[in-house]
Amino acid sequence: MDRHSQVYIEFYELHRDSYDSIVYFYEHQQKAIRQLPLEEQLELLAEYLNACFETAQYHKYLAHVDELIESLIIYNVQTIHGKDEYTASIFRKAAALFNLERYNESILLVKQLRRMEPHNQNARILYRRNLYQNLPKGHRYVRHASAAGLLVAAVLTATELFAGRFIQAEYVTVIAALRNVVFATSLITIFLLELKIRYMVERV
């Protein structure tokens, strides 16, 4: 058995959940791995990238994932170990960009993935999270104001409950009315914002 095949075997002797060991092994054996047959190279690269992703080494992941995606396309490889590595790589790339707060880039990839797989729930959830993090400035102000309104309503409720007996009845009525208005307005605003985001998710 030649040296390069031995490297392949040694790689798979590592425990699949030992992500740090996988990253270390791959990075210190890259020269030998590059001389393996193409199929084995792609397998080990996919395992390495998965380990980078699982250990939150997103910059490393993004530095190499395009190589894997392009190779899968060029050599018409869809699955590795029976798993759809192409769509999985696109999803993980989008998730890595999201975790690095590169929301616009992440959104573009998620849209691409949703066109490929309209019923992919993970892509749908990630797209939704991107939208929440990347709301237009006006929407963010509305969301923060609505959250603050709910907090104010809670304070007014506490005031009514614990200090109501020390306050004149007409003021208690005013506090109750103000609480209801603030609470209802904030809740309706949050609900409408949620509907808009849901609409944006569904129309992709």
N, C-alpha and C. Protein backbone atom coordinates (compact mmCIF):
# COMPACT_ATOMS: atom_id res chain seq x y z
N MET A 1 0.85 -1.20 0.00
CA MET A 1 0.00 0.00 0.00
C MET A 1 0.88 1.24 0.00
N ASP A 2 0.66 2.18 -0.93
CA ASP A 2 1.54 3.33 -1.02
C ASP A 2 1.26 4.33 0.10
N ARG A 3 2.16 5.31 0.18
CA ARG A 3 2.12 6.29 1.28
C ARG A 3 0.84 7.11 1.26
N HIS A 4 0.41 7.51 0.07
CA HIS A 4 -0.75 8.37 -0.02
C HIS A 4 -2.01 7.64 0.43
N SER A 5 -2.18 6.39 0.06
CA SER A 5 -3.32 5.63 0.53
C SER A 5 -3.27 5.46 2.05
N GLN A 6 -2.08 5.38 2.59
CA GLN A 6 -1.93 5.25 4.03
C GLN A 6 -2.41 6.52 4.73
N VAL A 7 -2.13 7.66 4.13
CA VAL A 7 -2.61 8.93 4.68
C VAL A 7 -4.13 8.94 4.73
N TYR A 8 -4.74 8.45 3.67
CA TYR A 8 -6.20 8.38 3.59
C TYR A 8 -6.75 7.49 4.71
N ILE A 9 -6.11 6.34 4.90
CA ILE A 9 -6.56 5.41 5.95
C ILE A 9 -6.37 6.03 7.33
N GLU A 10 -5.24 6.67 7.55
CA GLU A 10 -4.97 7.28 8.85
C GLU A 10 -5.98 8.39 9.15
N PHE A 11 -6.37 9.11 8.13
CA PHE A 11 -7.37 10.16 8.32
C PHE A 11 -8.67 9.56 8.85
N TYR A 12 -9.08 8.46 8.26
CA TYR A 12 -10.35 7.86 8.66
C TYR A 12 -10.25 7.03 9.93
N GLU A 13 -9.06 6.91 10.47
CA GLU A 13 -8.91 6.30 11.79
C GLU A 13 -9.23 7.30 12.90
N LEU A 14 -9.24 8.58 12.53
CA LEU A 14 -9.63 9.61 13.50
C LEU A 14 -11.12 9.48 13.79
N HIS A 15 -11.50 9.76 15.03
CA HIS A 15 -12.91 9.73 15.39
C HIS A 15 -13.64 10.84 14.65
N ARG A 16 -14.81 10.56 14.09
CA ARG A 16 -15.53 11.54 13.26
C ARG A 16 -15.94 12.78 14.03
N ASP A 17 -16.04 12.68 15.36
CA ASP A 17 -16.41 13.85 16.16
C ASP A 17 -15.20 14.59 16.71
N SER A 18 -14.00 14.10 16.40
CA SER A 18 -12.78 14.76 16.88
C SER A 18 -12.39 15.85 15.89
N TYR A 19 -13.19 16.89 15.87
CA TYR A 19 -13.04 17.91 14.83
C TYR A 19 -11.68 18.60 14.88
N ASP A 20 -11.18 18.90 16.07
CA ASP A 20 -9.87 19.55 16.17
C ASP A 20 -8.77 18.65 15.62
N SER A 21 -8.88 17.34 15.88
CA SER A 21 -7.89 16.39 15.37
C SER A 21 -7.95 16.31 13.85
N ILE A 22 -9.16 16.35 13.31
CA ILE A 22 -9.34 16.32 11.85
C ILE A 22 -8.70 17.55 11.21
N VAL A 23 -8.96 18.72 11.78
CA VAL A 23 -8.38 19.96 11.24
C VAL A 23 -6.86 19.90 11.30
N TYR A 24 -6.34 19.48 12.44
CA TYR A 24 -4.87 19.41 12.61
C TYR A 24 -4.26 18.44 11.61
N PHE A 25 -4.85 17.25 11.51
CA PHE A 25 -4.30 16.22 10.60
C PHE A 25 -4.31 16.73 9.16
N TYR A 26 -5.42 17.27 8.72
CA TYR A 26 -5.53 17.71 7.33
C TYR A 26 -4.51 18.80 7.02
N GLU A 27 -4.39 19.77 7.91
CA GLU A 27 -3.50 20.90 7.65
C GLU A 27 -2.03 20.50 7.66
N HIS A 28 -1.70 19.42 8.38
CA HIS A 28 -0.31 18.96 8.42
C HIS A 28 -0.01 17.87 7.40
N GLN A 29 -1.01 17.44 6.67
CA GLN A 29 -0.80 16.40 5.65
C GLN A 29 -1.30 16.85 4.28
N GLN A 30 -1.41 18.15 4.09
CA GLN A 30 -2.00 18.65 2.84
C GLN A 30 -1.20 18.22 1.62
N LYS A 31 0.12 18.23 1.71
CA LYS A 31 0.93 17.86 0.55
C LYS A 31 0.64 16.43 0.11
N ALA A 32 0.56 15.52 1.07
CA ALA A 32 0.26 14.13 0.74
C ALA A 32 -1.18 13.98 0.25
N ILE A 33 -2.10 14.69 0.89
CA ILE A 33 -3.52 14.60 0.51
C ILE A 33 -3.73 15.08 -0.92
N ARG A 34 -2.98 16.12 -1.34
CA ARG A 34 -3.12 16.66 -2.69
C ARG A 34 -2.70 15.64 -3.76
N GLN A 35 -1.99 14.60 -3.37
CA GLN A 35 -1.55 13.60 -4.34
C GLN A 35 -2.44 12.36 -4.35
N LEU A 36 -3.48 12.38 -3.56
CA LEU A 36 -4.44 11.28 -3.56
C LEU A 36 -5.31 11.35 -4.81
N PRO A 37 -5.98 10.24 -5.15
CA PRO A 37 -6.96 10.29 -6.25
C PRO A 37 -8.02 11.35 -5.95
N LEU A 38 -8.58 11.92 -7.01
CA LEU A 38 -9.52 13.03 -6.87
C LEU A 38 -10.65 12.72 -5.90
N GLU A 39 -11.25 11.56 -6.02
CA GLU A 39 -12.38 11.21 -5.16
C GLU A 39 -11.98 11.26 -3.69
N GLU A 40 -10.79 10.74 -3.37
CA GLU A 40 -10.34 10.74 -1.98
C GLU A 40 -10.00 12.15 -1.52
N GLN A 41 -9.43 12.96 -2.43
CA GLN A 41 -9.16 14.36 -2.07
C GLN A 41 -10.44 15.09 -1.68
N LEU A 42 -11.48 14.90 -2.48
CA LEU A 42 -12.75 15.58 -2.21
C LEU A 42 -13.37 15.10 -0.90
N GLU A 43 -13.27 13.81 -0.64
CA GLU A 43 -13.80 13.28 0.63
C GLU A 43 -13.12 13.93 1.81
N LEU A 44 -11.79 13.98 1.78
CA LEU A 44 -11.05 14.52 2.92
C LEU A 44 -11.24 16.03 3.05
N LEU A 45 -11.33 16.72 1.91
CA LEU A 45 -11.59 18.16 1.96
C LEU A 45 -12.96 18.44 2.56
N ALA A 46 -13.97 17.64 2.19
CA ALA A 46 -15.31 17.81 2.75
C ALA A 46 -15.31 17.57 4.26
N GLU A 47 -14.58 16.54 4.69
CA GLU A 47 -14.50 16.25 6.13
C GLU A 47 -13.78 17.37 6.87
N TYR A 48 -12.72 17.87 6.28
CA TYR A 48 -11.96 18.96 6.89
C TYR A 48 -12.81 20.22 7.04
N LEU A 49 -13.53 20.55 5.97
CA LEU A 49 -14.37 21.75 6.01
C LEU A 49 -15.50 21.61 7.03
N ASN A 50 -16.07 20.42 7.11
CA ASN A 50 -17.11 20.19 8.11
C ASN A 50 -16.54 20.39 9.52
N ALA A 51 -15.31 19.92 9.74
CA ALA A 51 -14.68 20.08 11.05
C ALA A 51 -14.42 21.55 11.34
N CYS A 52 -13.98 22.30 10.32
CA CYS A 52 -13.77 23.75 10.50
C CYS A 52 -15.07 24.43 10.89
N PHE A 53 -16.15 24.05 10.21
CA PHE A 53 -17.44 24.65 10.49
C PHE A 53 -17.91 24.32 11.90
N GLU A 54 -17.77 23.05 12.29
CA GLU A 54 -18.25 22.62 13.60
C GLU A 54 -17.45 23.23 14.74
N THR A 55 -16.22 23.64 14.47
CA THR A 55 -15.40 24.28 15.51
C THR A 55 -15.40 25.80 15.36
N ALA A 56 -16.35 26.31 14.57
CA ALA A 56 -16.55 27.75 14.39
C ALA A 56 -15.32 28.46 13.81
N GLN A 57 -14.54 27.74 13.01
CA GLN A 57 -13.41 28.34 12.30
C GLN A 57 -13.92 28.80 10.92
N TYR A 58 -14.77 29.80 10.96
CA TYR A 58 -15.51 30.19 9.76
C TYR A 58 -14.61 30.81 8.70
N HIS A 59 -13.58 31.53 9.10
CA HIS A 59 -12.68 32.13 8.11
C HIS A 59 -11.94 31.04 7.34
N LYS A 60 -11.51 30.01 8.04
CA LYS A 60 -10.87 28.88 7.37
C LYS A 60 -11.86 28.20 6.43
N TYR A 61 -13.07 28.02 6.92
CA TYR A 61 -14.08 27.36 6.11
C TYR A 61 -14.30 28.12 4.80
N LEU A 62 -14.47 29.42 4.91
CA LEU A 62 -14.75 30.23 3.72
C LEU A 62 -13.55 30.30 2.79
N ALA A 63 -12.36 30.14 3.32
CA ALA A 63 -11.16 30.20 2.50
C ALA A 63 -11.05 29.00 1.55
N HIS A 64 -11.71 27.89 1.90
CA HIS A 64 -11.54 26.65 1.12
C HIS A 64 -12.82 26.08 0.53
N VAL A 65 -13.97 26.56 1.00
CA VAL A 65 -15.21 25.91 0.57
C VAL A 65 -15.49 26.08 -0.92
N ASP A 66 -15.09 27.23 -1.50
CA ASP A 66 -15.33 27.42 -2.93
C ASP A 66 -14.57 26.40 -3.77
N GLU A 67 -13.40 26.01 -3.29
CA GLU A 67 -12.64 24.96 -3.99
C GLU A 67 -13.44 23.67 -4.05
N LEU A 68 -14.07 23.31 -2.94
CA LEU A 68 -14.88 22.09 -2.90
C LEU A 68 -16.10 22.23 -3.81
N ILE A 69 -16.82 23.34 -3.70
CA ILE A 69 -18.02 23.53 -4.50
C ILE A 69 -17.70 23.49 -5.99
N GLU A 70 -16.62 24.19 -6.38
CA GLU A 70 -16.24 24.21 -7.79
C GLU A 70 -15.83 22.83 -8.29
N SER A 71 -15.13 22.07 -7.45
CA SER A 71 -14.72 20.71 -7.83
C SER A 71 -15.93 19.80 -7.99
N LEU A 72 -16.90 19.95 -7.10
CA LEU A 72 -18.12 19.13 -7.21
C LEU A 72 -18.84 19.41 -8.52
N ILE A 73 -18.84 20.68 -8.93
CA ILE A 73 -19.51 21.05 -10.18
C ILE A 73 -18.71 20.53 -11.39
N ILE A 74 -17.41 20.82 -11.40
CA ILE A 74 -16.56 20.46 -12.54
C ILE A 74 -16.56 18.95 -12.79
N TYR A 75 -16.44 18.18 -11.70
CA TYR A 75 -16.34 16.73 -11.85
C TYR A 75 -17.68 16.02 -11.65
N ASN A 76 -18.74 16.82 -11.61
CA ASN A 76 -20.11 16.29 -11.54
C ASN A 76 -20.28 15.31 -10.38
N VAL A 77 -19.83 15.74 -9.22
CA VAL A 77 -19.97 14.93 -8.00
C VAL A 77 -21.07 15.58 -7.15
N GLN A 78 -22.12 14.86 -6.90
CA GLN A 78 -23.24 15.40 -6.13
C GLN A 78 -23.18 14.95 -4.67
N THR A 79 -22.80 13.70 -4.45
CA THR A 79 -22.84 13.15 -3.09
C THR A 79 -21.46 12.65 -2.67
N ILE A 80 -21.22 12.72 -1.37
CA ILE A 80 -20.03 12.12 -0.75
C ILE A 80 -20.53 11.32 0.45
N HIS A 81 -20.18 10.05 0.47
CA HIS A 81 -20.68 9.15 1.51
C HIS A 81 -22.21 9.16 1.56
N GLY A 82 -22.82 9.25 0.38
CA GLY A 82 -24.28 9.18 0.31
C GLY A 82 -25.01 10.45 0.69
N LYS A 83 -24.26 11.51 1.01
CA LYS A 83 -24.89 12.78 1.40
C LYS A 83 -24.72 13.82 0.29
N ASP A 84 -25.72 14.66 0.15
CA ASP A 84 -25.69 15.72 -0.86
C ASP A 84 -24.72 16.81 -0.41
N GLU A 85 -23.47 16.65 -0.80
CA GLU A 85 -22.42 17.55 -0.32
C GLU A 85 -22.52 18.93 -0.95
N TYR A 86 -23.05 18.99 -2.16
CA TYR A 86 -23.14 20.27 -2.86
C TYR A 86 -24.06 21.25 -2.12
N THR A 87 -25.30 20.84 -1.86
CA THR A 87 -26.23 21.74 -1.18
C THR A 87 -25.82 21.95 0.28
N ALA A 88 -25.24 20.91 0.89
CA ALA A 88 -24.78 21.05 2.28
C ALA A 88 -23.67 22.09 2.37
N SER A 89 -22.79 22.12 1.39
CA SER A 89 -21.69 23.08 1.39
C SER A 89 -22.20 24.50 1.19
N ILE A 90 -23.18 24.65 0.30
CA ILE A 90 -23.76 25.98 0.09
C ILE A 90 -24.44 26.47 1.37
N PHE A 91 -25.17 25.56 2.03
CA PHE A 91 -25.85 25.96 3.27
C PHE A 91 -24.84 26.36 4.34
N ARG A 92 -23.80 25.53 4.51
CA ARG A 92 -22.80 25.84 5.55
C ARG A 92 -22.06 27.14 5.22
N LYS A 93 -21.82 27.38 3.93
CA LYS A 93 -21.17 28.64 3.56
C LYS A 93 -22.06 29.82 3.94
N ALA A 94 -23.36 29.71 3.66
CA ALA A 94 -24.30 30.77 4.03
C ALA A 94 -24.34 30.96 5.55
N ALA A 95 -24.32 29.85 6.28
CA ALA A 95 -24.34 29.92 7.74
C ALA A 95 -23.05 30.53 8.28
N ALA A 96 -21.92 30.20 7.67
CA ALA A 96 -20.64 30.78 8.11
C ALA A 96 -20.64 32.29 7.88
N LEU A 97 -21.14 32.71 6.72
CA LEU A 97 -21.24 34.15 6.45
C LEU A 97 -22.16 34.83 7.45
N PHE A 98 -23.26 34.18 7.79
CA PHE A 98 -24.18 34.73 8.79
C PHE A 98 -23.48 34.89 10.13
N ASN A 99 -22.74 33.88 10.54
CA ASN A 99 -22.06 33.94 11.84
C ASN A 99 -20.96 34.98 11.87
N LEU A 100 -20.46 35.36 10.70
CA LEU A 100 -19.46 36.43 10.62
C LEU A 100 -20.12 37.79 10.36
N GLU A 101 -21.46 37.81 10.45
CA GLU A 101 -22.26 39.03 10.28
C GLU A 101 -22.14 39.61 8.86
N ARG A 102 -21.91 38.74 7.90
CA ARG A 102 -21.89 39.15 6.49
C ARG A 102 -23.26 38.78 5.90
N TYR A 103 -24.27 39.50 6.36
CA TYR A 103 -25.65 39.09 6.12
C TYR A 103 -26.06 39.17 4.64
N ASN A 104 -25.65 40.21 3.95
CA ASN A 104 -26.05 40.34 2.55
C ASN A 104 -25.53 39.18 1.70
N GLU A 105 -24.28 38.78 1.93
CA GLU A 105 -23.71 37.65 1.20
C GLU A 105 -24.44 36.36 1.57
N SER A 106 -24.75 36.22 2.83
CA SER A 106 -25.47 35.03 3.29
C SER A 106 -26.85 34.95 2.65
N ILE A 107 -27.54 36.08 2.58
CA ILE A 107 -28.89 36.10 2.00
C ILE A 107 -28.86 35.66 0.54
N LEU A 108 -27.87 36.12 -0.22
CA LEU A 108 -27.77 35.73 -1.63
C LEU A 108 -27.64 34.22 -1.78
N LEU A 109 -26.82 33.60 -0.93
CA LEU A 109 -26.64 32.14 -1.01
C LEU A 109 -27.89 31.40 -0.58
N VAL A 110 -28.54 31.89 0.47
CA VAL A 110 -29.76 31.22 0.93
C VAL A 110 -30.85 31.30 -0.13
N LYS A 111 -30.95 32.43 -0.80
CA LYS A 111 -31.92 32.55 -1.88
C LYS A 111 -31.64 31.53 -2.98
N GLN A 112 -30.36 31.38 -3.32
CA GLN A 112 -29.97 30.39 -4.33
C GLN A 112 -30.36 28.98 -3.89
N LEU A 113 -30.08 28.68 -2.62
CA LEU A 113 -30.40 27.36 -2.10
C LEU A 113 -31.90 27.11 -2.07
N ARG A 114 -32.67 28.14 -1.74
CA ARG A 114 -34.13 27.97 -1.69
C ARG A 114 -34.73 27.79 -3.08
N ARG A 115 -34.09 28.38 -4.08
CA ARG A 115 -34.55 28.13 -5.45
C ARG A 115 -34.26 26.68 -5.86
N MET A 116 -33.15 26.16 -5.37
CA MET A 116 -32.79 24.77 -5.68
C MET A 116 -33.66 23.80 -4.89
N GLU A 117 -33.91 24.12 -3.63
CA GLU A 117 -34.68 23.25 -2.75
C GLU A 117 -35.73 24.08 -2.00
N PRO A 118 -36.87 24.34 -2.62
CA PRO A 118 -37.89 25.21 -2.02
C PRO A 118 -38.38 24.76 -0.65
N HIS A 119 -38.27 23.47 -0.35
CA HIS A 119 -38.81 22.95 0.91
C HIS A 119 -37.71 22.71 1.95
N ASN A 120 -36.54 23.24 1.71
CA ASN A 120 -35.43 23.09 2.65
C ASN A 120 -35.69 23.98 3.87
N GLN A 121 -36.07 23.35 4.98
CA GLN A 121 -36.45 24.11 6.18
C GLN A 121 -35.27 24.81 6.83
N ASN A 122 -34.09 24.19 6.77
CA ASN A 122 -32.91 24.84 7.35
C ASN A 122 -32.59 26.13 6.62
N ALA A 123 -32.71 26.11 5.29
CA ALA A 123 -32.47 27.32 4.51
C ALA A 123 -33.52 28.38 4.84
N ARG A 124 -34.75 27.95 5.02
CA ARG A 124 -35.84 28.88 5.35
C ARG A 124 -35.56 29.57 6.68
N ILE A 125 -35.15 28.79 7.67
CA ILE A 125 -34.86 29.34 9.00
C ILE A 125 -33.68 30.31 8.94
N LEU A 126 -32.64 29.92 8.19
CA LEU A 126 -31.46 30.79 8.08
C LEU A 126 -31.80 32.08 7.36
N TYR A 127 -32.64 32.00 6.35
CA TYR A 127 -33.05 33.21 5.64
C TYR A 127 -33.81 34.14 6.58
N ARG A 128 -34.67 33.56 7.37
CA ARG A 128 -35.45 34.35 8.34
C ARG A 128 -34.52 35.04 9.34
N ARG A 129 -33.53 34.30 9.84
CA ARG A 129 -32.59 34.89 10.80
C ARG A 129 -31.78 36.02 10.15
N ASN A 130 -31.42 35.82 8.89
CA ASN A 130 -30.71 36.88 8.17
C ASN A 130 -31.56 38.13 8.07
N LEU A 131 -32.83 37.96 7.75
CA LEU A 131 -33.71 39.12 7.62
C LEU A 131 -33.83 39.88 8.93
N TYR A 132 -33.94 39.13 10.03
CA TYR A 132 -34.05 39.79 11.33
C TYR A 132 -32.79 40.59 11.65
N GLN A 133 -31.64 40.02 11.29
CA GLN A 133 -30.38 40.71 11.61
C GLN A 133 -30.07 41.84 10.63
N ASN A 134 -30.70 41.80 9.47
CA ASN A 134 -30.35 42.75 8.42
C ASN A 134 -31.55 43.62 8.03
N LEU A 135 -32.41 43.89 9.00
CA LEU A 135 -33.57 44.74 8.75
C LEU A 135 -33.13 46.16 8.37
N PRO A 136 -33.88 46.83 7.49
CA PRO A 136 -33.58 48.24 7.22
C PRO A 136 -33.62 49.05 8.52
N LYS A 137 -32.90 50.15 8.54
CA LYS A 137 -32.77 50.93 9.77
C LYS A 137 -34.13 51.31 10.35
N GLY A 138 -35.06 51.71 9.49
CA GLY A 138 -36.39 52.08 9.97
C GLY A 138 -37.10 50.93 10.65
N HIS A 139 -36.97 49.73 10.09
CA HIS A 139 -37.60 48.56 10.69
C HIS A 139 -36.97 48.23 12.05
N ARG A 140 -35.66 48.41 12.13
CA ARG A 140 -34.98 48.14 13.41
C ARG A 140 -35.48 49.09 14.49
N TYR A 141 -35.64 50.37 14.14
CA TYR A 141 -36.15 51.35 15.11
C TYR A 141 -37.55 50.97 15.58
N VAL A 142 -38.38 50.53 14.63
CA VAL A 142 -39.74 50.13 14.98
C VAL A 142 -39.72 48.93 15.91
N ARG A 143 -38.87 47.95 15.60
CA ARG A 143 -38.80 46.76 16.45
C ARG A 143 -38.33 47.11 17.86
N HIS A 144 -37.29 47.94 17.95
CA HIS A 144 -36.78 48.33 19.26
C HIS A 144 -37.82 49.14 20.04
N ALA A 145 -38.51 50.03 19.32
CA ALA A 145 -39.54 50.85 19.98
C ALA A 145 -40.68 49.98 20.48
N SER A 146 -41.04 48.97 19.71
CA SER A 146 -42.13 48.07 20.12
C SER A 146 -41.72 47.26 21.35
N ALA A 147 -40.48 46.79 21.35
CA ALA A 147 -39.99 46.05 22.51
C ALA A 147 -39.96 46.95 23.75
N ALA A 148 -39.54 48.19 23.54
CA ALA A 148 -39.53 49.14 24.66
C ALA A 148 -40.96 49.41 25.13
N GLY A 149 -41.90 49.45 24.20
CA GLY A 149 -43.31 49.66 24.56
C GLY A 149 -43.85 48.55 25.43
N LEU A 150 -43.48 47.31 25.11
CA LEU A 150 -43.91 46.18 25.95
C LEU A 150 -43.32 46.28 27.35
N LEU A 151 -42.08 46.74 27.42
CA LEU A 151 -41.45 46.92 28.74
C LEU A 151 -42.17 48.01 29.53
N VAL A 152 -42.51 49.10 28.86
CA VAL A 152 -43.24 50.19 29.52
C VAL A 152 -44.59 49.68 30.01
N ALA A 153 -45.26 48.88 29.18
CA ALA A 153 -46.57 48.33 29.59
C ALA A 153 -46.42 47.46 30.83
N ALA A 154 -45.33 46.70 30.90
CA ALA A 154 -45.09 45.85 32.07
C ALA A 154 -44.87 46.71 33.32
N VAL A 155 -44.12 47.81 33.16
CA VAL A 155 -43.87 48.72 34.29
C VAL A 155 -45.18 49.36 34.75
N LEU A 156 -46.00 49.77 33.82
CA LEU A 156 -47.29 50.37 34.17
C LEU A 156 -48.19 49.36 34.88
N THR A 157 -48.14 48.10 34.44
CA THR A 157 -48.94 47.06 35.10
C THR A 157 -48.47 46.87 36.53
N ALA A 158 -47.13 46.82 36.71
CA ALA A 158 -46.59 46.67 38.06
C ALA A 158 -46.97 47.86 38.94
N THR A 159 -46.94 49.06 38.35
CA THR A 159 -47.33 50.26 39.10
C THR A 159 -48.78 50.19 39.55
N GLU A 160 -49.63 49.73 38.63
CA GLU A 160 -51.06 49.62 38.95
C GLU A 160 -51.30 48.60 40.05
N LEU A 161 -50.57 47.48 40.01
CA LEU A 161 -50.79 46.41 40.98
C LEU A 161 -50.28 46.77 42.37
N PHE A 162 -49.06 47.33 42.42
CA PHE A 162 -48.41 47.50 43.71
C PHE A 162 -48.55 48.91 44.30
N ALA A 163 -48.85 49.88 43.44
CA ALA A 163 -48.96 51.24 43.97
C ALA A 163 -50.36 51.81 43.78
N GLY A 164 -51.25 50.99 43.21
CA GLY A 164 -52.60 51.48 42.92
C GLY A 164 -53.33 51.98 44.14
N ARG A 165 -53.13 51.32 45.28
CA ARG A 165 -53.89 51.72 46.48
C ARG A 165 -53.41 53.05 47.06
N PHE A 166 -52.20 53.49 46.62
CA PHE A 166 -51.67 54.76 47.11
C PHE A 166 -51.94 55.91 46.14
N ILE A 167 -52.57 55.60 45.01
CA ILE A 167 -52.81 56.59 43.97
C ILE A 167 -54.32 56.83 43.84
N GLN A 168 -54.69 58.02 43.56
CA GLN A 168 -56.11 58.34 43.40
C GLN A 168 -56.70 57.52 42.26
N ALA A 169 -57.97 57.19 42.40
CA ALA A 169 -58.64 56.28 41.47
C ALA A 169 -58.58 56.78 40.03
N GLU A 170 -58.75 58.09 39.83
CA GLU A 170 -58.74 58.60 38.46
C GLU A 170 -57.38 58.41 37.79
N TYR A 171 -56.30 58.49 38.62
CA TYR A 171 -54.96 58.27 38.06
C TYR A 171 -54.73 56.80 37.73
N VAL A 172 -55.31 55.94 38.56
CA VAL A 172 -55.21 54.50 38.28
C VAL A 172 -55.89 54.18 36.95
N THR A 173 -57.02 54.81 36.71
CA THR A 173 -57.75 54.61 35.45
C THR A 173 -56.91 55.08 34.26
N VAL A 174 -56.27 56.22 34.43
CA VAL A 174 -55.40 56.75 33.36
C VAL A 174 -54.23 55.81 33.10
N ILE A 175 -53.62 55.31 34.18
CA ILE A 175 -52.49 54.39 34.03
C ILE A 175 -52.93 53.12 33.31
N ALA A 176 -54.09 52.59 33.69
CA ALA A 176 -54.60 51.36 33.06
C ALA A 176 -54.87 51.59 31.57
N ALA A 177 -55.47 52.74 31.26
CA ALA A 177 -55.77 53.04 29.85
C ALA A 177 -54.48 53.20 29.05
N LEU A 178 -53.51 53.90 29.62
CA LEU A 178 -52.23 54.11 28.94
C LEU A 178 -51.51 52.78 28.73
N ARG A 179 -51.55 51.93 29.75
CA ARG A 179 -50.93 50.60 29.63
C ARG A 179 -51.54 49.81 28.48
N ASN A 180 -52.87 49.84 28.42
CA ASN A 180 -53.55 49.07 27.37
C ASN A 180 -53.20 49.58 25.97
N VAL A 181 -53.14 50.91 25.85
CA VAL A 181 -52.81 51.50 24.54
C VAL A 181 -51.38 51.14 24.14
N VAL A 182 -50.44 51.30 25.06
CA VAL A 182 -49.03 51.01 24.77
C VAL A 182 -48.85 49.53 24.45
N PHE A 183 -49.49 48.67 25.27
CA PHE A 183 -49.36 47.23 25.06
C PHE A 183 -49.94 46.82 23.71
N ALA A 184 -51.15 47.28 23.41
CA ALA A 184 -51.81 46.90 22.15
C ALA A 184 -51.03 47.42 20.94
N THR A 185 -50.57 48.67 21.02
CA THR A 185 -49.83 49.25 19.90
C THR A 185 -48.53 48.49 19.65
N SER A 186 -47.80 48.18 20.71
CA SER A 186 -46.53 47.47 20.58
C SER A 186 -46.75 46.07 20.04
N LEU A 187 -47.76 45.39 20.56
CA LEU A 187 -48.03 44.02 20.12
C LEU A 187 -48.45 43.98 18.66
N ILE A 188 -49.31 44.88 18.26
CA ILE A 188 -49.77 44.92 16.86
C ILE A 188 -48.60 45.24 15.93
N THR A 189 -47.74 46.16 16.35
CA THR A 189 -46.59 46.53 15.52
C THR A 189 -45.66 45.35 15.32
N ILE A 190 -45.36 44.63 16.41
CA ILE A 190 -44.51 43.45 16.32
C ILE A 190 -45.15 42.39 15.43
N PHE A 191 -46.45 42.23 15.58
CA PHE A 191 -47.18 41.24 14.77
C PHE A 191 -47.10 41.59 13.28
N LEU A 192 -47.29 42.87 12.94
CA LEU A 192 -47.24 43.30 11.55
C LEU A 192 -45.83 43.16 10.98
N LEU A 193 -44.82 43.46 11.80
CA LEU A 193 -43.44 43.30 11.36
C LEU A 193 -43.13 41.83 11.10
N GLU A 194 -43.64 40.98 11.97
CA GLU A 194 -43.45 39.53 11.80
C GLU A 194 -44.13 39.06 10.52
N LEU A 195 -45.32 39.56 10.24
CA LEU A 195 -46.03 39.19 9.01
C LEU A 195 -45.23 39.61 7.78
N LYS A 196 -44.64 40.80 7.83
CA LYS A 196 -43.87 41.27 6.69
C LYS A 196 -42.65 40.39 6.45
N ILE A 197 -41.97 40.03 7.53
CA ILE A 197 -40.79 39.17 7.39
C ILE A 197 -41.20 37.79 6.87
N ARG A 198 -42.33 37.28 7.37
CA ARG A 198 -42.81 35.98 6.89
C ARG A 198 -43.12 36.05 5.40
N TYR A 199 -43.72 37.16 4.98
CA TYR A 199 -44.04 37.33 3.55
C TYR A 199 -42.76 37.35 2.73
N MET A 200 -41.74 38.04 3.23
CA MET A 200 -40.46 38.12 2.51
C MET A 200 -39.81 36.74 2.41
N VAL A 201 -39.94 35.94 3.47
CA VAL A 201 -39.39 34.58 3.45
C VAL A 201 -40.12 33.71 2.45
N GLU A 202 -41.43 33.80 2.44
CA GLU A 202 -42.24 32.91 1.61
C GLU A 202 -42.17 33.23 0.12
N ARG A 203 -41.90 34.50 -0.21
CA ARG A 203 -41.97 34.87 -1.63
C ARG A 203 -40.69 34.52 -2.38
N VAL A 204 -39.62 34.12 -1.68
CA VAL A 204 -38.38 33.75 -2.35
C VAL A 204 -38.57 32.46 -3.14
